[in-house]
Amino acid sequence: MSDIKLFQINNNKVTELAGKSVTIEKTLQILFVNLLSKEINVIDNLVKKVMG
C-alpha cells in the first residue's frame, strides 16, 4: 500500500497535515480494508451457498 498524504481545507486554504496524522490514518485505513475484505468474503460465501 502506498503512502498517503492528508490535507485540511479551511476557508479555501489547503494545508498538509503532520506526519503523525498520516500514520494514524494509514493504520486505520489498513484495518478498515482488512475488515471490509473479510466481510465481503463472508457475504460472497453466503450468496454462493444460497444460489447453489
PDB file of N, CA and C in Angstrom:
ATOM      1  N   MET A   1       0.849  -1.159   0.000  1.00  0.00           N
ATOM      2  CA  MET A   1       0.000   0.000   0.000  1.00  0.00           C
ATOM      3  C   MET A   1       0.903   1.232   0.000  1.00  0.00           C
ATOM      4  N   SER A   2       0.613   2.180  -0.839  1.00  0.00           N
ATOM      5  CA  SER A   2       1.459   3.363  -0.940  1.00  0.00           C
ATOM      6  C   SER A   2       1.167   4.335   0.203  1.00  0.00           C
ATOM      7  N   ASP A   3       2.144   5.215   0.430  1.00  0.00           N
ATOM      8  CA  ASP A   3       1.952   6.243   1.457  1.00  0.00           C
ATOM      9  C   ASP A   3       0.861   7.201   1.020  1.00  0.00           C
ATOM     10  N   ILE A   4       0.170   7.728   1.987  1.00  0.00           N
ATOM     11  CA  ILE A   4      -0.892   8.691   1.695  1.00  0.00           C
ATOM     12  C   ILE A   4      -0.549  10.023   2.331  1.00  0.00           C
ATOM     13  N   LYS A   5      -1.076  11.075   1.772  1.00  0.00           N
ATOM     14  CA  LYS A   5      -0.920  12.403   2.344  1.00  0.00           C
ATOM     15  C   LYS A   5      -2.312  12.920   2.663  1.00  0.00           C
ATOM     16  N   LEU A   6      -2.429  13.557   3.817  1.00  0.00           N
ATOM     17  CA  LEU A   6      -3.706  14.123   4.231  1.00  0.00           C
ATOM     18  C   LEU A   6      -3.619  15.636   4.201  1.00  0.00           C
ATOM     19  N   PHE A   7      -4.704  16.241   3.764  1.00  0.00           N
ATOM     20  CA  PHE A   7      -4.756  17.689   3.677  1.00  0.00           C
ATOM     21  C   PHE A   7      -6.014  18.195   4.356  1.00  0.00           C
ATOM     22  N   GLN A   8      -5.920  19.395   4.903  1.00  0.00           N
ATOM     23  CA  GLN A   8      -7.070  20.055   5.511  1.00  0.00           C
ATOM     24  C   GLN A   8      -7.407  21.261   4.652  1.00  0.00           C
ATOM     25  N   ILE A   9      -8.692  21.411   4.353  1.00  0.00           N
ATOM     26  CA  ILE A   9      -9.153  22.564   3.586  1.00  0.00           C
ATOM     27  C   ILE A   9      -9.984  23.427   4.521  1.00  0.00           C
ATOM     28  N   ASN A  10      -9.576  24.679   4.651  1.00  0.00           N
ATOM     29  CA  ASN A  10     -10.264  25.600   5.543  1.00  0.00           C
ATOM     30  C   ASN A  10     -10.240  26.995   4.920  1.00  0.00           C
ATOM     31  N   ASN A  11     -11.425  27.538   4.645  1.00  0.00           N
ATOM     32  CA  ASN A  11     -11.538  28.867   4.031  1.00  0.00           C
ATOM     33  C   ASN A  11     -10.719  28.980   2.746  1.00  0.00           C
ATOM     34  N   ASN A  12     -10.870  27.975   1.873  1.00  0.00           N
ATOM     35  CA  ASN A  12     -10.181  27.922   0.581  1.00  0.00           C
ATOM     36  C   ASN A  12      -8.665  27.867   0.701  1.00  0.00           C
ATOM     37  N   LYS A  13      -8.140  27.480   1.848  1.00  0.00           N
ATOM     38  CA  LYS A  13      -6.707  27.316   2.051  1.00  0.00           C
ATOM     39  C   LYS A  13      -6.433  25.840   2.326  1.00  0.00           C
ATOM     40  N   VAL A  14      -5.466  25.271   1.609  1.00  0.00           N
ATOM     41  CA  VAL A  14      -5.120  23.861   1.760  1.00  0.00           C
ATOM     42  C   VAL A  14      -3.820  23.751   2.548  1.00  0.00           C
ATOM     43  N   THR A  15      -3.859  22.919   3.602  1.00  0.00           N
ATOM     44  CA  THR A  15      -2.693  22.707   4.447  1.00  0.00           C
ATOM     45  C   THR A  15      -2.454  21.207   4.589  1.00  0.00           C
ATOM     46  N   GLU A  16      -1.198  20.791   4.384  1.00  0.00           N
ATOM     47  CA  GLU A  16      -0.877  19.380   4.586  1.00  0.00           C
ATOM     48  C   GLU A  16      -0.786  19.104   6.085  1.00  0.00           C
ATOM     49  N   LEU A  17      -1.396  17.994   6.516  1.00  0.00           N
ATOM     50  CA  LEU A  17      -1.386  17.630   7.931  1.00  0.00           C
ATOM     51  C   LEU A  17      -0.062  16.980   8.302  1.00  0.00           C
ATOM     52  N   ALA A  18       0.275  17.043   9.568  1.00  0.00           N
ATOM     53  CA  ALA A  18       1.542  16.498  10.067  1.00  0.00           C
ATOM     54  C   ALA A  18       1.606  14.988   9.910  1.00  0.00           C
ATOM     55  N   GLY A  19       2.821  14.458   9.886  1.00  0.00           N
ATOM     56  CA  GLY A  19       3.061  13.033   9.689  1.00  0.00           C
ATOM     57  C   GLY A  19       2.376  12.129  10.683  1.00  0.00           C
ATOM     58  N   LYS A  20       2.201  12.581  11.914  1.00  0.00           N
ATOM     59  CA  LYS A  20       1.545  11.761  12.926  1.00  0.00           C
ATOM     60  C   LYS A  20       0.112  11.430  12.508  1.00  0.00           C
ATOM     61  N   SER A  21      -0.586  12.419  11.969  1.00  0.00           N
ATOM     62  CA  SER A  21      -1.946  12.180  11.491  1.00  0.00           C
ATOM     63  C   SER A  21      -1.949  11.172  10.354  1.00  0.00           C
ATOM     64  N   VAL A  22      -0.948  11.259   9.494  1.00  0.00           N
ATOM     65  CA  VAL A  22      -0.865  10.341   8.366  1.00  0.00           C
ATOM     66  C   VAL A  22      -0.667   8.916   8.868  1.00  0.00           C
ATOM     67  N   THR A  23       0.184   8.741   9.875  1.00  0.00           N
ATOM     68  CA  THR A  23       0.425   7.406  10.429  1.00  0.00           C
ATOM     69  C   THR A  23      -0.855   6.820  11.002  1.00  0.00           C
ATOM     70  N   ILE A  24      -1.591   7.611  11.750  1.00  0.00           N
ATOM     71  CA  ILE A  24      -2.852   7.145  12.327  1.00  0.00           C
ATOM     72  C   ILE A  24      -3.846   6.811  11.223  1.00  0.00           C
ATOM     73  N   GLU A  25      -3.959   7.690  10.233  1.00  0.00           N
ATOM     74  CA  GLU A  25      -4.896   7.462   9.131  1.00  0.00           C
ATOM     75  C   GLU A  25      -4.533   6.209   8.351  1.00  0.00           C
ATOM     76  N   LYS A  26      -3.250   5.996   8.086  1.00  0.00           N
ATOM     77  CA  LYS A  26      -2.830   4.818   7.327  1.00  0.00           C
ATOM     78  C   LYS A  26      -3.141   3.548   8.116  1.00  0.00           C
ATOM     79  N   THR A  27      -2.898   3.569   9.417  1.00  0.00           N
ATOM     80  CA  THR A  27      -3.211   2.410  10.267  1.00  0.00           C
ATOM     81  C   THR A  27      -4.705   2.107  10.229  1.00  0.00           C
ATOM     82  N   LEU A  28      -5.529   3.134  10.351  1.00  0.00           N
ATOM     83  CA  LEU A  28      -6.980   2.944  10.286  1.00  0.00           C
ATOM     84  C   LEU A  28      -7.417   2.460   8.908  1.00  0.00           C
ATOM     85  N   GLN A  29      -6.785   2.983   7.868  1.00  0.00           N
ATOM     86  CA  GLN A  29      -7.120   2.560   6.508  1.00  0.00           C
ATOM     87  C   GLN A  29      -6.828   1.077   6.320  1.00  0.00           C
ATOM     88  N   ILE A  30      -5.679   0.626   6.764  1.00  0.00           N
ATOM     89  CA  ILE A  30      -5.301  -0.785   6.639  1.00  0.00           C
ATOM     90  C   ILE A  30      -6.277  -1.659   7.426  1.00  0.00           C
ATOM     91  N   LEU A  31      -6.600  -1.257   8.652  1.00  0.00           N
ATOM     92  CA  LEU A  31      -7.547  -2.010   9.481  1.00  0.00           C
ATOM     93  C   LEU A  31      -8.904  -2.097   8.803  1.00  0.00           C
ATOM     94  N   PHE A  32      -9.399  -0.975   8.307  1.00  0.00           N
ATOM     95  CA  PHE A  32     -10.700  -0.931   7.653  1.00  0.00           C
ATOM     96  C   PHE A  32     -10.726  -1.817   6.413  1.00  0.00           C
ATOM     97  N   VAL A  33      -9.704  -1.729   5.589  1.00  0.00           N
ATOM     98  CA  VAL A  33      -9.647  -2.534   4.362  1.00  0.00           C
ATOM     99  C   VAL A  33      -9.608  -4.018   4.701  1.00  0.00           C
ATOM    100  N   ASN A  34      -8.834  -4.398   5.699  1.00  0.00           N
ATOM    101  CA  ASN A  34      -8.761  -5.808   6.097  1.00  0.00           C
ATOM    102  C   ASN A  34     -10.103  -6.321   6.613  1.00  0.00           C
ATOM    103  N   LEU A  35     -10.765  -5.534   7.458  1.00  0.00           N
ATOM    104  CA  LEU A  35     -12.069  -5.943   7.980  1.00  0.00           C
ATOM    105  C   LEU A  35     -13.120  -5.997   6.879  1.00  0.00           C
ATOM    106  N   LEU A  36     -13.115  -5.014   6.006  1.00  0.00           N
ATOM    107  CA  LEU A  36     -14.073  -4.982   4.902  1.00  0.00           C
ATOM    108  C   LEU A  36     -13.866  -6.173   3.971  1.00  0.00           C
ATOM    109  N   SER A  37     -12.623  -6.507   3.702  1.00  0.00           N
ATOM    110  CA  SER A  37     -12.330  -7.657   2.840  1.00  0.00           C
ATOM    111  C   SER A  37     -12.887  -8.944   3.434  1.00  0.00           C
ATOM    112  N   LYS A  38     -12.753  -9.099   4.753  1.00  0.00           N
ATOM    113  CA  LYS A  38     -13.287 -10.290   5.423  1.00  0.00           C
ATOM    114  C   LYS A  38     -14.809 -10.322   5.329  1.00  0.00           C
ATOM    115  N   GLU A  39     -15.445  -9.171   5.551  1.00  0.00           N
ATOM    116  CA  GLU A  39     -16.912  -9.099   5.461  1.00  0.00           C
ATOM    117  C   GLU A  39     -17.392  -9.431   4.047  1.00  0.00           C
ATOM    118  N   ILE A  40     -16.728  -8.898   3.056  1.00  0.00           N
ATOM    119  CA  ILE A  40     -17.112  -9.176   1.664  1.00  0.00           C
ATOM    120  C   ILE A  40     -16.954 -10.662   1.367  1.00  0.00           C
ATOM    121  N   ASN A  41     -15.912 -11.276   1.881  1.00  0.00           N
ATOM    122  CA  ASN A  41     -15.688 -12.704   1.672  1.00  0.00           C
ATOM    123  C   ASN A  41     -16.805 -13.525   2.317  1.00  0.00           C
ATOM    124  N   VAL A  42     -17.234 -13.150   3.527  1.00  0.00           N
ATOM    125  CA  VAL A  42     -18.322 -13.855   4.214  1.00  0.00           C
ATOM    126  C   VAL A  42     -19.611 -13.724   3.406  1.00  0.00           C
ATOM    127  N   ILE A  43     -19.909 -12.510   2.964  1.00  0.00           N
ATOM    128  CA  ILE A  43     -21.130 -12.276   2.174  1.00  0.00           C
ATOM    129  C   ILE A  43     -21.074 -13.058   0.870  1.00  0.00           C
ATOM    130  N   ASP A  44     -19.922 -13.057   0.214  1.00  0.00           N
ATOM    131  CA  ASP A  44     -19.762 -13.791  -1.040  1.00  0.00           C
ATOM    132  C   ASP A  44     -20.007 -15.287  -0.831  1.00  0.00           C
ATOM    133  N   ASN A  45     -19.474 -15.840   0.253  1.00  0.00           N
ATOM    134  CA  ASN A  45     -19.680 -17.264   0.543  1.00  0.00           C
ATOM    135  C   ASN A  45     -21.147 -17.573   0.837  1.00  0.00           C
ATOM    136  N   LEU A  46     -21.827 -16.679   1.554  1.00  0.00           N
ATOM    137  CA  LEU A  46     -23.242 -16.886   1.839  1.00  0.00           C
ATOM    138  C   LEU A  46     -24.075 -16.858   0.551  1.00  0.00           C
ATOM    139  N   VAL A  47     -23.777 -15.910  -0.310  1.00  0.00           N
ATOM    140  CA  VAL A  47     -24.504 -15.803  -1.575  1.00  0.00           C
ATOM    141  C   VAL A  47     -24.284 -17.069  -2.414  1.00  0.00           C
ATOM    142  N   LYS A  48     -23.060 -17.548  -2.451  1.00  0.00           N
ATOM    143  CA  LYS A  48     -22.753 -18.763  -3.215  1.00  0.00           C
ATOM    144  C   LYS A  48     -23.533 -19.965  -2.664  1.00  0.00           C
ATOM    145  N   LYS A  49     -23.642 -20.055  -1.316  1.00  0.00           N
ATOM    146  CA  LYS A  49     -24.395 -21.147  -0.701  1.00  0.00           C
ATOM    147  C   LYS A  49     -25.886 -21.068  -1.056  1.00  0.00           C
ATOM    148  N   VAL A  50     -26.440 -19.866  -0.970  1.00  0.00           N
ATOM    149  CA  VAL A  50     -27.870 -19.678  -1.232  1.00  0.00           C
ATOM    150  C   VAL A  50     -28.166 -19.919  -2.700  1.00  0.00           C
ATOM    151  N   MET A  51     -27.315 -19.453  -3.593  1.00  0.00           N
ATOM    152  CA  MET A  51     -27.546 -19.563  -5.027  1.00  0.00           C
ATOM    153  C   MET A  51     -27.213 -20.964  -5.566  1.00  0.00           C
ATOM    154  N   GLY A  52     -26.504 -21.724  -4.759  1.00  0.00           N
ATOM    155  CA  GLY A  52     -26.201 -23.100  -5.153  1.00  0.00           C
ATOM    156  C   GLY A  52     -24.998 -23.184  -5.971  1.00  0.00           C
TER     157      GLY A  52
END
